[in-house]
Amino acid sequence: INPVNLFKKEKDEGINLRVMHGINKISFWMFILCLAYLIYRW
């Protein structure tokens, strides 16, 4: 949830693992925003 960690480079990770974690963080934020929108509409 912490936006500071969204693009933070983590140590001892390969590029594939960093990309996977980045995509997971973005998808988590999209889920939270869509959930908030659905609750607002409800």
PDB file of all heavy atoms in Angstrom:
ATOM      1  N   ILE A   1       0.822  -1.209   0.000  1.00  0.00           N
ATOM      2  CA  ILE A   1       0.000   0.000   0.000  1.00  0.00           C
ATOM      3  C   ILE A   1       0.857   1.261   0.000  1.00  0.00           C
ATOM      4  O   ILE A   1       0.476   2.277  -0.568  1.00  0.00           O
ATOM      5  CB  ILE A   1      -0.954  -0.020   1.209  1.00  0.00           C
ATOM      6  CG1 ILE A   1      -2.023  -1.088   1.000  1.00  0.00           C
ATOM      7  CG2 ILE A   1      -1.621   1.328   1.413  1.00  0.00           C
ATOM      8  CD1 ILE A   1      -2.939  -1.263   2.170  1.00  0.00           C
ATOM      9  N   ASN A   2       2.033   1.201   0.586  1.00  0.00           N
ATOM     10  CA  ASN A   2       2.906   2.365   0.679  1.00  0.00           C
ATOM     11  C   ASN A   2       3.371   2.778  -0.718  1.00  0.00           C
ATOM     12  O   ASN A   2       4.073   2.029  -1.388  1.00  0.00           O
ATOM     13  CB  ASN A   2       4.115   2.041   1.559  1.00  0.00           C
ATOM     14  CG  ASN A   2       4.934   3.251   1.879  1.00  0.00           C
ATOM     15  OD1 ASN A   2       4.662   4.339   1.400  1.00  0.00           O
ATOM     16  ND2 ASN A   2       5.949   3.051   2.695  1.00  0.00           N
ATOM     17  N   PRO A   3       2.988   3.975  -1.192  1.00  0.00           N
ATOM     18  CA  PRO A   3       3.365   4.383  -2.553  1.00  0.00           C
ATOM     19  C   PRO A   3       4.861   4.617  -2.719  1.00  0.00           C
ATOM     20  O   PRO A   3       5.362   4.597  -3.837  1.00  0.00           O
ATOM     21  CB  PRO A   3       2.578   5.668  -2.786  1.00  0.00           C
ATOM     22  CG  PRO A   3       2.153   6.138  -1.452  1.00  0.00           C
ATOM     23  CD  PRO A   3       2.144   4.956  -0.534  1.00  0.00           C
ATOM     24  N   VAL A   4       5.591   4.829  -1.642  1.00  0.00           N
ATOM     25  CA  VAL A   4       7.040   5.019  -1.737  1.00  0.00           C
ATOM     26  C   VAL A   4       7.712   3.731  -2.240  1.00  0.00           C
ATOM     27  O   VAL A   4       8.696   3.779  -2.970  1.00  0.00           O
ATOM     28  CB  VAL A   4       7.617   5.436  -0.370  1.00  0.00           C
ATOM     29  CG1 VAL A   4       9.123   5.479  -0.387  1.00  0.00           C
ATOM     30  CG2 VAL A   4       7.045   6.767   0.056  1.00  0.00           C
ATOM     31  N   ASN A   5       7.161   2.593  -1.881  1.00  0.00           N
ATOM     32  CA  ASN A   5       7.744   1.309  -2.260  1.00  0.00           C
ATOM     33  C   ASN A   5       7.346   0.842  -3.654  1.00  0.00           C
ATOM     34  O   ASN A   5       7.776  -0.221  -4.081  1.00  0.00           O
ATOM     35  CB  ASN A   5       7.345   0.234  -1.247  1.00  0.00           C
ATOM     36  CG  ASN A   5       7.887   0.527   0.115  1.00  0.00           C
ATOM     37  OD1 ASN A   5       8.952   1.108   0.252  1.00  0.00           O
ATOM     38  ND2 ASN A   5       7.156   0.151   1.136  1.00  0.00           N
ATOM     39  N   LEU A   6       6.540   1.622  -4.365  1.00  0.00           N
ATOM     40  CA  LEU A   6       6.043   1.172  -5.658  1.00  0.00           C
ATOM     41  C   LEU A   6       7.177   0.967  -6.653  1.00  0.00           C
ATOM     42  O   LEU A   6       7.230  -0.034  -7.358  1.00  0.00           O
ATOM     43  CB  LEU A   6       5.028   2.180  -6.204  1.00  0.00           C
ATOM     44  CG  LEU A   6       4.282   1.774  -7.459  1.00  0.00           C
ATOM     45  CD1 LEU A   6       3.526   0.483  -7.223  1.00  0.00           C
ATOM     46  CD2 LEU A   6       3.334   2.865  -7.884  1.00  0.00           C
ATOM     47  N   PHE A   7       8.105   1.906  -6.732  1.00  0.00           N
ATOM     48  CA  PHE A   7       9.215   1.797  -7.680  1.00  0.00           C
ATOM     49  C   PHE A   7      10.572   1.654  -6.994  1.00  0.00           C
ATOM     50  O   PHE A   7      11.603   1.901  -7.592  1.00  0.00           O
ATOM     51  CB  PHE A   7       9.229   3.023  -8.596  1.00  0.00           C
ATOM     52  CG  PHE A   7       7.985   3.139  -9.421  1.00  0.00           C
ATOM     53  CD1 PHE A   7       7.040   4.102  -9.127  1.00  0.00           C
ATOM     54  CD2 PHE A   7       7.756   2.270 -10.465  1.00  0.00           C
ATOM     55  CE1 PHE A   7       5.893   4.206  -9.881  1.00  0.00           C
ATOM     56  CE2 PHE A   7       6.610   2.366 -11.229  1.00  0.00           C
ATOM     57  CZ  PHE A   7       5.675   3.339 -10.931  1.00  0.00           C
ATOM     58  N   LYS A   8      10.550   1.245  -5.742  1.00  0.00           N
ATOM     59  CA  LYS A   8      11.790   1.084  -4.981  1.00  0.00           C
ATOM     60  C   LYS A   8      12.537  -0.168  -5.456  1.00  0.00           C
ATOM     61  O   LYS A   8      11.950  -1.228  -5.638  1.00  0.00           O
ATOM     62  CB  LYS A   8      11.449   0.952  -3.501  1.00  0.00           C
ATOM     63  CG  LYS A   8      12.642   0.839  -2.599  1.00  0.00           C
ATOM     64  CD  LYS A   8      12.176   0.750  -1.152  1.00  0.00           C
ATOM     65  CE  LYS A   8      13.348   0.534  -0.230  1.00  0.00           C
ATOM     66  NZ  LYS A   8      12.899   0.367   1.146  1.00  0.00           N
ATOM     67  N   LYS A   9      13.829  -0.027  -5.666  1.00  0.00           N
ATOM     68  CA  LYS A   9      14.652  -1.154  -6.087  1.00  0.00           C
ATOM     69  C   LYS A   9      15.032  -1.977  -4.861  1.00  0.00           C
ATOM     70  O   LYS A   9      15.575  -1.461  -3.902  1.00  0.00           O
ATOM     71  CB  LYS A   9      15.905  -0.645  -6.788  1.00  0.00           C
ATOM     72  CG  LYS A   9      16.785  -1.743  -7.316  1.00  0.00           C
ATOM     73  CD  LYS A   9      17.961  -1.172  -8.061  1.00  0.00           C
ATOM     74  CE  LYS A   9      18.843  -2.285  -8.567  1.00  0.00           C
ATOM     75  NZ  LYS A   9      20.016  -1.777  -9.272  1.00  0.00           N
ATOM     76  N   GLU A  10      14.699  -3.259  -4.917  1.00  0.00           N
ATOM     77  CA  GLU A  10      15.013  -4.140  -3.805  1.00  0.00           C
ATOM     78  C   GLU A  10      16.344  -4.840  -4.080  1.00  0.00           C
ATOM     79  O   GLU A  10      16.662  -5.174  -5.211  1.00  0.00           O
ATOM     80  CB  GLU A  10      13.889  -5.147  -3.612  1.00  0.00           C
ATOM     81  CG  GLU A  10      12.571  -4.455  -3.287  1.00  0.00           C
ATOM     82  CD  GLU A  10      11.458  -5.431  -3.023  1.00  0.00           C
ATOM     83  OE1 GLU A  10      11.748  -6.599  -2.734  1.00  0.00           O
ATOM     84  OE2 GLU A  10      10.310  -5.008  -3.096  1.00  0.00           O
ATOM     85  N   LYS A  11      17.104  -5.058  -3.036  1.00  0.00           N
ATOM     86  CA  LYS A  11      18.439  -5.633  -3.208  1.00  0.00           C
ATOM     87  C   LYS A  11      18.368  -7.135  -3.479  1.00  0.00           C
ATOM     88  O   LYS A  11      17.428  -7.817  -3.080  1.00  0.00           O
ATOM     89  CB  LYS A  11      19.286  -5.354  -1.976  1.00  0.00           C
ATOM     90  CG  LYS A  11      18.694  -5.873  -0.679  1.00  0.00           C
ATOM     91  CD  LYS A  11      19.543  -5.490   0.497  1.00  0.00           C
ATOM     92  CE  LYS A  11      18.829  -5.917   1.770  1.00  0.00           C
ATOM     93  NZ  LYS A  11      19.558  -5.572   2.939  1.00  0.00           N
ATOM     94  N   ASP A  12      19.371  -7.618  -4.161  1.00  0.00           N
ATOM     95  CA  ASP A  12      19.549  -9.050  -4.458  1.00  0.00           C
ATOM     96  C   ASP A  12      18.385  -9.652  -5.235  1.00  0.00           C
ATOM     97  O   ASP A  12      17.968 -10.772  -4.963  1.00  0.00           O
ATOM     98  CB  ASP A  12      19.779  -9.849  -3.168  1.00  0.00           C
ATOM     99  CG  ASP A  12      21.031  -9.417  -2.436  1.00  0.00           C
ATOM    100  OD1 ASP A  12      21.952  -8.904  -3.103  1.00  0.00           O
ATOM    101  OD2 ASP A  12      21.074  -9.603  -1.211  1.00  0.00           O
ATOM    102  N   GLU A  13      17.842  -8.906  -6.182  1.00  0.00           N
ATOM    103  CA  GLU A  13      16.783  -9.433  -7.023  1.00  0.00           C
ATOM    104  C   GLU A  13      17.173  -9.291  -8.476  1.00  0.00           C
ATOM    105  O   GLU A  13      17.775  -8.307  -8.875  1.00  0.00           O
ATOM    106  CB  GLU A  13      15.468  -8.682  -6.792  1.00  0.00           C
ATOM    107  CG  GLU A  13      14.807  -8.974  -5.483  1.00  0.00           C
ATOM    108  CD  GLU A  13      13.434  -8.344  -5.395  1.00  0.00           C
ATOM    109  OE1 GLU A  13      13.057  -7.616  -6.316  1.00  0.00           O
ATOM    110  OE2 GLU A  13      12.755  -8.594  -4.409  1.00  0.00           O
ATOM    111  N   GLY A  14      16.826 -10.282  -9.269  1.00  0.00           N
ATOM    112  CA  GLY A  14      17.048 -10.211 -10.703  1.00  0.00           C
ATOM    113  C   GLY A  14      15.983  -9.338 -11.348  1.00  0.00           C
ATOM    114  O   GLY A  14      14.992  -8.952 -10.723  1.00  0.00           O
ATOM    115  N   ILE A  15      16.166  -9.031 -12.615  1.00  0.00           N
ATOM    116  CA  ILE A  15      15.235  -8.156 -13.313  1.00  0.00           C
ATOM    117  C   ILE A  15      13.851  -8.795 -13.427  1.00  0.00           C
ATOM    118  O   ILE A  15      12.840  -8.117 -13.295  1.00  0.00           O
ATOM    119  CB  ILE A  15      15.785  -7.753 -14.709  1.00  0.00           C
ATOM    120  CG1 ILE A  15      14.891  -6.711 -15.374  1.00  0.00           C
ATOM    121  CG2 ILE A  15      15.945  -8.961 -15.599  1.00  0.00           C
ATOM    122  CD1 ILE A  15      14.952  -5.370 -14.729  1.00  0.00           C
ATOM    123  N   ASN A  16      13.787 -10.111 -13.639  1.00  0.00           N
ATOM    124  CA  ASN A  16      12.487 -10.775 -13.777  1.00  0.00           C
ATOM    125  C   ASN A  16      11.688 -10.706 -12.480  1.00  0.00           C
ATOM    126  O   ASN A  16      10.479 -10.465 -12.504  1.00  0.00           O
ATOM    127  CB  ASN A  16      12.673 -12.234 -14.184  1.00  0.00           C
ATOM    128  CG  ASN A  16      13.203 -12.356 -15.592  1.00  0.00           C
ATOM    129  OD1 ASN A  16      13.016 -11.470 -16.409  1.00  0.00           O
ATOM    130  ND2 ASN A  16      13.879 -13.457 -15.854  1.00  0.00           N
ATOM    131  N   LEU A  17      12.351 -10.918 -11.380  1.00  0.00           N
ATOM    132  CA  LEU A  17      11.665 -10.869 -10.091  1.00  0.00           C
ATOM    133  C   LEU A  17      11.215  -9.453  -9.760  1.00  0.00           C
ATOM    134  O   LEU A  17      10.119  -9.251  -9.225  1.00  0.00           O
ATOM    135  CB  LEU A  17      12.579 -11.412  -8.991  1.00  0.00           C
ATOM    136  CG  LEU A  17      11.941 -11.697  -7.645  1.00  0.00           C
ATOM    137  CD1 LEU A  17      10.810 -12.696  -7.807  1.00  0.00           C
ATOM    138  CD2 LEU A  17      12.975 -12.237  -6.682  1.00  0.00           C
ATOM    139  N   ARG A  18      12.035  -8.448 -10.092  1.00  0.00           N
ATOM    140  CA  ARG A  18      11.654  -7.054  -9.857  1.00  0.00           C
ATOM    141  C   ARG A  18      10.445  -6.670 -10.690  1.00  0.00           C
ATOM    142  O   ARG A  18       9.534  -5.996 -10.203  1.00  0.00           O
ATOM    143  CB  ARG A  18      12.815  -6.122 -10.183  1.00  0.00           C
ATOM    144  CG  ARG A  18      13.823  -6.029  -9.101  1.00  0.00           C
ATOM    145  CD  ARG A  18      14.708  -4.839  -9.282  1.00  0.00           C
ATOM    146  NE  ARG A  18      14.976  -4.572 -10.696  1.00  0.00           N
ATOM    147  CZ  ARG A  18      16.090  -4.079 -11.168  1.00  0.00           C
ATOM    148  NH1 ARG A  18      17.063  -3.779 -10.360  1.00  0.00           N
ATOM    149  NH2 ARG A  18      16.253  -3.867 -12.443  1.00  0.00           N
ATOM    150  N   VAL A  19      10.410  -7.105 -11.951  1.00  0.00           N
ATOM    151  CA  VAL A  19       9.265  -6.805 -12.819  1.00  0.00           C
ATOM    152  C   VAL A  19       8.018  -7.485 -12.285  1.00  0.00           C
ATOM    153  O   VAL A  19       6.938  -6.891 -12.250  1.00  0.00           O
ATOM    154  CB  VAL A  19       9.560  -7.228 -14.277  1.00  0.00           C
ATOM    155  CG1 VAL A  19       8.308  -7.158 -15.131  1.00  0.00           C
ATOM    156  CG2 VAL A  19      10.650  -6.362 -14.866  1.00  0.00           C
ATOM    157  N   MET A  20       8.139  -8.720 -11.840  1.00  0.00           N
ATOM    158  CA  MET A  20       6.988  -9.441 -11.295  1.00  0.00           C
ATOM    159  C   MET A  20       6.446  -8.734 -10.048  1.00  0.00           C
ATOM    160  O   MET A  20       5.236  -8.555  -9.914  1.00  0.00           O
ATOM    161  CB  MET A  20       7.373 -10.867 -10.935  1.00  0.00           C
ATOM    162  CG  MET A  20       6.207 -11.684 -10.414  1.00  0.00           C
ATOM    163  SD  MET A  20       6.679 -13.282  -9.782  1.00  0.00           S
ATOM    164  CE  MET A  20       7.525 -12.826  -8.293  1.00  0.00           C
ATOM    165  N   HIS A  21       7.329  -8.295  -9.156  1.00  0.00           N
ATOM    166  CA  HIS A  21       6.881  -7.586  -7.960  1.00  0.00           C
ATOM    167  C   HIS A  21       6.262  -6.244  -8.327  1.00  0.00           C
ATOM    168  O   HIS A  21       5.278  -5.820  -7.713  1.00  0.00           O
ATOM    169  CB  HIS A  21       8.041  -7.379  -6.987  1.00  0.00           C
ATOM    170  CG  HIS A  21       8.385  -8.599  -6.207  1.00  0.00           C
ATOM    171  ND1 HIS A  21       7.523  -9.177  -5.310  1.00  0.00           N
ATOM    172  CD2 HIS A  21       9.494  -9.357  -6.188  1.00  0.00           C
ATOM    173  CE1 HIS A  21       8.089 -10.228  -4.781  1.00  0.00           C
ATOM    174  NE2 HIS A  21       9.295 -10.371  -5.304  1.00  0.00           N
ATOM    175  N   GLY A  22       6.806  -5.567  -9.307  1.00  0.00           N
ATOM    176  CA  GLY A  22       6.240  -4.294  -9.753  1.00  0.00           C
ATOM    177  C   GLY A  22       4.839  -4.472 -10.306  1.00  0.00           C
ATOM    178  O   GLY A  22       3.927  -3.690 -10.007  1.00  0.00           O
ATOM    179  N   ILE A  23       4.629  -5.494 -11.120  1.00  0.00           N
ATOM    180  CA  ILE A  23       3.302  -5.767 -11.676  1.00  0.00           C
ATOM    181  C   ILE A  23       2.334  -6.142 -10.569  1.00  0.00           C
ATOM    182  O   ILE A  23       1.169  -5.722 -10.579  1.00  0.00           O
ATOM    183  CB  ILE A  23       3.393  -6.868 -12.747  1.00  0.00           C
ATOM    184  CG1 ILE A  23       4.138  -6.335 -13.964  1.00  0.00           C
ATOM    185  CG2 ILE A  23       2.021  -7.384 -13.136  1.00  0.00           C
ATOM    186  CD1 ILE A  23       4.467  -7.380 -14.996  1.00  0.00           C
ATOM    187  N   ASN A  24       2.786  -6.911  -9.584  1.00  0.00           N
ATOM    188  CA  ASN A  24       1.928  -7.262  -8.452  1.00  0.00           C
ATOM    189  C   ASN A  24       1.503  -6.028  -7.674  1.00  0.00           C
ATOM    190  O   ASN A  24       0.347  -5.904  -7.258  1.00  0.00           O
ATOM    191  CB  ASN A  24       2.639  -8.238  -7.516  1.00  0.00           C
ATOM    192  CG  ASN A  24       2.654  -9.636  -8.048  1.00  0.00           C
ATOM    193  OD1 ASN A  24       1.893  -9.977  -8.943  1.00  0.00           O
ATOM    194  ND2 ASN A  24       3.543 -10.456  -7.529  1.00  0.00           N
ATOM    195  N   LYS A  25       2.433  -5.094  -7.466  1.00  0.00           N
ATOM    196  CA  LYS A  25       2.103  -3.873  -6.728  1.00  0.00           C
ATOM    197  C   LYS A  25       1.106  -3.024  -7.500  1.00  0.00           C
ATOM    198  O   LYS A  25       0.156  -2.484  -6.919  1.00  0.00           O
ATOM    199  CB  LYS A  25       3.367  -3.071  -6.440  1.00  0.00           C
ATOM    200  CG  LYS A  25       4.279  -3.749  -5.436  1.00  0.00           C
ATOM    201  CD  LYS A  25       5.570  -3.003  -5.278  1.00  0.00           C
ATOM    202  CE  LYS A  25       6.536  -3.767  -4.398  1.00  0.00           C
ATOM    203  NZ  LYS A  25       7.814  -3.082  -4.266  1.00  0.00           N
ATOM    204  N   ILE A  26       1.292  -2.904  -8.809  1.00  0.00           N
ATOM    205  CA  ILE A  26       0.366  -2.121  -9.624  1.00  0.00           C
ATOM    206  C   ILE A  26      -1.008  -2.763  -9.647  1.00  0.00           C
ATOM    207  O   ILE A  26      -2.028  -2.077  -9.512  1.00  0.00           O
ATOM    208  CB  ILE A  26       0.932  -1.952 -11.047  1.00  0.00           C
ATOM    209  CG1 ILE A  26       2.162  -1.045 -11.012  1.00  0.00           C
ATOM    210  CG2 ILE A  26      -0.112  -1.392 -11.999  1.00  0.00           C
ATOM    211  CD1 ILE A  26       2.949  -1.013 -12.299  1.00  0.00           C
ATOM    212  N   SER A  27      -1.079  -4.083  -9.782  1.00  0.00           N
ATOM    213  CA  SER A  27      -2.378  -4.757  -9.805  1.00  0.00           C
ATOM    214  C   SER A  27      -3.071  -4.659  -8.445  1.00  0.00           C
ATOM    215  O   SER A  27      -4.300  -4.540  -8.372  1.00  0.00           O
ATOM    216  CB  SER A  27      -2.232  -6.215 -10.224  1.00  0.00           C
ATOM    217  OG  SER A  27      -1.487  -6.931  -9.274  1.00  0.00           O
ATOM    218  N   PHE A  28      -2.304  -4.682  -7.362  1.00  0.00           N
ATOM    219  CA  PHE A  28      -2.893  -4.520  -6.035  1.00  0.00           C
ATOM    220  C   PHE A  28      -3.528  -3.143  -5.903  1.00  0.00           C
ATOM    221  O   PHE A  28      -4.641  -3.000  -5.401  1.00  0.00           O
ATOM    222  CB  PHE A  28      -1.816  -4.737  -4.965  1.00  0.00           C
ATOM    223  CG  PHE A  28      -2.337  -4.697  -3.570  1.00  0.00           C
ATOM    224  CD1 PHE A  28      -3.009  -5.778  -3.044  1.00  0.00           C
ATOM    225  CD2 PHE A  28      -2.170  -3.574  -2.778  1.00  0.00           C
ATOM    226  CE1 PHE A  28      -3.497  -5.754  -1.757  1.00  0.00           C
ATOM    227  CE2 PHE A  28      -2.654  -3.538  -1.485  1.00  0.00           C
ATOM    228  CZ  PHE A  28      -3.316  -4.632  -0.978  1.00  0.00           C
ATOM    229  N   TRP A  29      -2.815  -2.088  -6.355  1.00  0.00           N
ATOM    230  CA  TRP A  29      -3.359  -0.730  -6.309  1.00  0.00           C
ATOM    231  C   TRP A  29      -4.600  -0.595  -7.181  1.00  0.00           C
ATOM    232  O   TRP A  29      -5.570   0.058  -6.801  1.00  0.00           O
ATOM    233  CB  TRP A  29      -2.306   0.286  -6.742  1.00  0.00           C
ATOM    234  CG  TRP A  29      -1.513   0.768  -5.590  1.00  0.00           C
ATOM    235  CD1 TRP A  29      -0.243   0.418  -5.272  1.00  0.00           C
ATOM    236  CD2 TRP A  29      -1.948   1.670  -4.572  1.00  0.00           C
ATOM    237  NE1 TRP A  29       0.144   1.056  -4.124  1.00  0.00           N
ATOM    238  CE2 TRP A  29      -0.885   1.830  -3.677  1.00  0.00           C
ATOM    239  CE3 TRP A  29      -3.127   2.355  -4.337  1.00  0.00           C
ATOM    240  CZ2 TRP A  29      -0.974   2.652  -2.566  1.00  0.00           C
ATOM    241  CZ3 TRP A  29      -3.208   3.173  -3.231  1.00  0.00           C
ATOM    242  CH2 TRP A  29      -2.151   3.315  -2.362  1.00  0.00           C
ATOM    243  N   MET A  30      -4.598  -1.214  -8.354  1.00  0.00           N
ATOM    244  CA  MET A  30      -5.779  -1.160  -9.223  1.00  0.00           C
ATOM    245  C   MET A  30      -6.971  -1.835  -8.546  1.00  0.00           C
ATOM    246  O   MET A  30      -8.103  -1.348  -8.635  1.00  0.00           O
ATOM    247  CB  MET A  30      -5.482  -1.825 -10.559  1.00  0.00           C
ATOM    248  CG  MET A  30      -4.582  -1.008 -11.443  1.00  0.00           C
ATOM    249  SD  MET A  30      -4.221  -1.806 -12.999  1.00  0.00           S
ATOM    250  CE  MET A  30      -5.837  -1.872 -13.726  1.00  0.00           C
ATOM    251  N   PHE A  31      -6.741  -2.951  -7.879  1.00  0.00           N
ATOM    252  CA  PHE A  31      -7.808  -3.642  -7.166  1.00  0.00           C
ATOM    253  C   PHE A  31      -8.385  -2.763  -6.065  1.00  0.00           C
ATOM    254  O   PHE A  31      -9.607  -2.649  -5.921  1.00  0.00           O
ATOM    255  CB  PHE A  31      -7.278  -4.955  -6.579  1.00  0.00           C
ATOM    256  CG  PHE A  31      -8.267  -5.643  -5.686  1.00  0.00           C
ATOM    257  CD1 PHE A  31      -9.349  -6.307  -6.222  1.00  0.00           C
ATOM    258  CD2 PHE A  31      -8.111  -5.620  -4.313  1.00  0.00           C
ATOM    259  CE1 PHE A  31     -10.268  -6.937  -5.413  1.00  0.00           C
ATOM    260  CE2 PHE A  31      -9.016  -6.244  -3.483  1.00  0.00           C
ATOM    261  CZ  PHE A  31     -10.098  -6.904  -4.038  1.00  0.00           C
ATOM    262  N   ILE A  32      -7.524  -2.112  -5.276  1.00  0.00           N
ATOM    263  CA  ILE A  32      -7.987  -1.250  -4.185  1.00  0.00           C
ATOM    264  C   ILE A  32      -8.798  -0.078  -4.741  1.00  0.00           C
ATOM    265  O   ILE A  32      -9.863   0.265  -4.209  1.00  0.00           O
ATOM    266  CB  ILE A  32      -6.790  -0.750  -3.347  1.00  0.00           C
ATOM    267  CG1 ILE A  32      -6.118  -1.914  -2.628  1.00  0.00           C
ATOM    268  CG2 ILE A  32      -7.204   0.330  -2.361  1.00  0.00           C
ATOM    269  CD1 ILE A  32      -6.969  -2.599  -1.592  1.00  0.00           C
ATOM    270  N   LEU A  33      -8.315   0.542  -5.822  1.00  0.00           N
ATOM    271  CA  LEU A  33      -9.032   1.675  -6.418  1.00  0.00           C
ATOM    272  C   LEU A  33     -10.383   1.248  -6.989  1.00  0.00           C
ATOM    273  O   LEU A  33     -11.389   1.951  -6.814  1.00  0.00           O
ATOM    274  CB  LEU A  33      -8.183   2.330  -7.501  1.00  0.00           C
ATOM    275  CG  LEU A  33      -6.956   3.081  -7.012  1.00  0.00           C
ATOM    276  CD1 LEU A  33      -6.120   3.556  -8.190  1.00  0.00           C
ATOM    277  CD2 LEU A  33      -7.368   4.256  -6.137  1.00  0.00           C
ATOM    278  N   CYS A  34     -10.428   0.113  -7.662  1.00  0.00           N
ATOM    279  CA  CYS A  34     -11.698  -0.374  -8.210  1.00  0.00           C
ATOM    280  C   CYS A  34     -12.664  -0.760  -7.099  1.00  0.00           C
ATOM    281  O   CYS A  34     -13.871  -0.512  -7.212  1.00  0.00           O
ATOM    282  CB  CYS A  34     -11.461  -1.559  -9.132  1.00  0.00           C
ATOM    283  SG  CYS A  34     -10.634  -1.108 -10.655  1.00  0.00           S
ATOM    284  N   LEU A  35     -12.160  -1.336  -6.039  1.00  0.00           N
ATOM    285  CA  LEU A  35     -13.010  -1.680  -4.902  1.00  0.00           C
ATOM    286  C   LEU A  35     -13.587  -0.420  -4.260  1.00  0.00           C
ATOM    287  O   LEU A  35     -14.781  -0.380  -3.933  1.00  0.00           O
ATOM    288  CB  LEU A  35     -12.203  -2.484  -3.879  1.00  0.00           C
ATOM    289  CG  LEU A  35     -12.972  -3.130  -2.748  1.00  0.00           C
ATOM    290  CD1 LEU A  35     -13.940  -4.164  -3.299  1.00  0.00           C
ATOM    291  CD2 LEU A  35     -12.011  -3.777  -1.781  1.00  0.00           C
ATOM    292  N   ALA A  36     -12.769   0.608  -4.120  1.00  0.00           N
ATOM    293  CA  ALA A  36     -13.250   1.879  -3.572  1.00  0.00           C
ATOM    294  C   ALA A  36     -14.305   2.494  -4.489  1.00  0.00           C
ATOM    295  O   ALA A  36     -15.315   3.026  -4.017  1.00  0.00           O
ATOM    296  CB  ALA A  36     -12.082   2.846  -3.384  1.00  0.00           C
ATOM    297  N   TYR A  37     -14.105   2.405  -5.802  1.00  0.00           N
ATOM    298  CA  TYR A  37     -15.086   2.939  -6.755  1.00  0.00           C
ATOM    299  C   TYR A  37     -16.401   2.185  -6.663  1.00  0.00           C
ATOM    300  O   TYR A  37     -17.486   2.794  -6.679  1.00  0.00           O
ATOM    301  CB  TYR A  37     -14.515   2.863  -8.167  1.00  0.00           C
ATOM    302  CG  TYR A  37     -15.482   3.312  -9.237  1.00  0.00           C
ATOM    303  CD1 TYR A  37     -15.795   4.664  -9.379  1.00  0.00           C
ATOM    304  CD2 TYR A  37     -16.071   2.393 -10.083  1.00  0.00           C
ATOM    305  CE1 TYR A  37     -16.692   5.074 -10.339  1.00  0.00           C
ATOM    306  CE2 TYR A  37     -16.981   2.799 -11.050  1.00  0.00           C
ATOM    307  CZ  TYR A  37     -17.270   4.138 -11.180  1.00  0.00           C
ATOM    308  OH  TYR A  37     -18.167   4.531 -12.147  1.00  0.00           O
ATOM    309  N   LEU A  38     -16.334   0.878  -6.560  1.00  0.00           N
ATOM    310  CA  LEU A  38     -17.567   0.084  -6.453  1.00  0.00           C
ATOM    311  C   LEU A  38     -18.304   0.387  -5.146  1.00  0.00           C
ATOM    312  O   LEU A  38     -19.536   0.465  -5.118  1.00  0.00           O
ATOM    313  CB  LEU A  38     -17.251  -1.406  -6.550  1.00  0.00           C
ATOM    314  CG  LEU A  38     -16.863  -1.899  -7.931  1.00  0.00           C
ATOM    315  CD1 LEU A  38     -16.439  -3.363  -7.866  1.00  0.00           C
ATOM    316  CD2 LEU A  38     -18.005  -1.714  -8.906  1.00  0.00           C
ATOM    317  N   ILE A  39     -17.582   0.556  -4.063  1.00  0.00           N
ATOM    318  CA  ILE A  39     -18.220   0.912  -2.790  1.00  0.00           C
ATOM    319  C   ILE A  39     -18.840   2.295  -2.897  1.00  0.00           C
ATOM    320  O   ILE A  39     -19.961   2.516  -2.420  1.00  0.00           O
ATOM    321  CB  ILE A  39     -17.194   0.835  -1.635  1.00  0.00           C
ATOM    322  CG1 ILE A  39     -16.835  -0.638  -1.390  1.00  0.00           C
ATOM    323  CG2 ILE A  39     -17.736   1.478  -0.369  1.00  0.00           C
ATOM    324  CD1 ILE A  39     -15.694  -0.835  -0.418  1.00  0.00           C
ATOM    325  N   TYR A  40     -18.162   3.228  -3.555  1.00  0.00           N
ATOM    326  CA  TYR A  40     -18.708   4.576  -3.745  1.00  0.00           C
ATOM    327  C   TYR A  40     -20.001   4.527  -4.559  1.00  0.00           C
ATOM    328  O   TYR A  40     -20.985   5.181  -4.220  1.00  0.00           O
ATOM    329  CB  TYR A  40     -17.661   5.454  -4.458  1.00  0.00           C
ATOM    330  CG  TYR A  40     -18.199   6.784  -4.892  1.00  0.00           C
ATOM    331  CD1 TYR A  40     -18.408   7.800  -3.954  1.00  0.00           C
ATOM    332  CD2 TYR A  40     -18.496   7.040  -6.213  1.00  0.00           C
ATOM    333  CE1 TYR A  40     -18.904   9.029  -4.339  1.00  0.00           C
ATOM    334  CE2 TYR A  40     -18.995   8.255  -6.617  1.00  0.00           C
ATOM    335  CZ  TYR A  40     -19.189   9.259  -5.670  1.00  0.00           C
ATOM    336  OH  TYR A  40     -19.695  10.454  -6.062  1.00  0.00           O
ATOM    337  N   ARG A  41     -20.015   3.749  -5.630  1.00  0.00           N
ATOM    338  CA  ARG A  41     -21.239   3.631  -6.446  1.00  0.00           C
ATOM    339  C   ARG A  41     -22.361   2.945  -5.676  1.00  0.00           C
ATOM    340  O   ARG A  41     -23.533   3.264  -5.861  1.00  0.00           O
ATOM    341  CB  ARG A  41     -20.939   2.859  -7.713  1.00  0.00           C
ATOM    342  CG  ARG A  41     -20.107   3.710  -8.660  1.00  0.00           C
ATOM    343  CD  ARG A  41     -20.267   3.361 -10.070  1.00  0.00           C
ATOM    344  NE  ARG A  41     -21.626   3.039 -10.457  1.00  0.00           N
ATOM    345  CZ  ARG A  41     -21.955   2.486 -11.597  1.00  0.00           C
ATOM    346  NH1 ARG A  41     -21.012   2.209 -12.461  1.00  0.00           N
ATOM    347  NH2 ARG A  41     -23.194   2.229 -11.898  1.00  0.00           N
ATOM    348  N   TRP A  42     -22.012   1.973  -4.828  1.00  0.00           N
ATOM    349  CA  TRP A  42     -23.021   1.262  -4.059  1.00  0.00           C
ATOM    350  C   TRP A  42     -23.656   2.175  -3.001  1.00  0.00           C
ATOM    351  O   TRP A  42     -24.857   2.104  -2.757  1.00  0.00           O
ATOM    352  CB  TRP A  42     -22.380   0.045  -3.412  1.00  0.00           C
ATOM    353  CG  TRP A  42     -23.322  -0.784  -2.602  1.00  0.00           C
ATOM    354  CD1 TRP A  42     -24.395  -1.468  -3.058  1.00  0.00           C
ATOM    355  CD2 TRP A  42     -23.266  -1.003  -1.205  1.00  0.00           C
ATOM    356  NE1 TRP A  42     -25.004  -2.118  -2.031  1.00  0.00           N
ATOM    357  CE2 TRP A  42     -24.339  -1.841  -0.870  1.00  0.00           C
ATOM    358  CE3 TRP A  42     -22.409  -0.578  -0.201  1.00  0.00           C
ATOM    359  CZ2 TRP A  42     -24.572  -2.255   0.428  1.00  0.00           C
ATOM    360  CZ3 TRP A  42     -22.654  -1.007   1.081  1.00  0.00           C
ATOM    361  CH2 TRP A  42     -23.715  -1.829   1.383  1.00  0.00           C
TER     362      TRP A  42
END
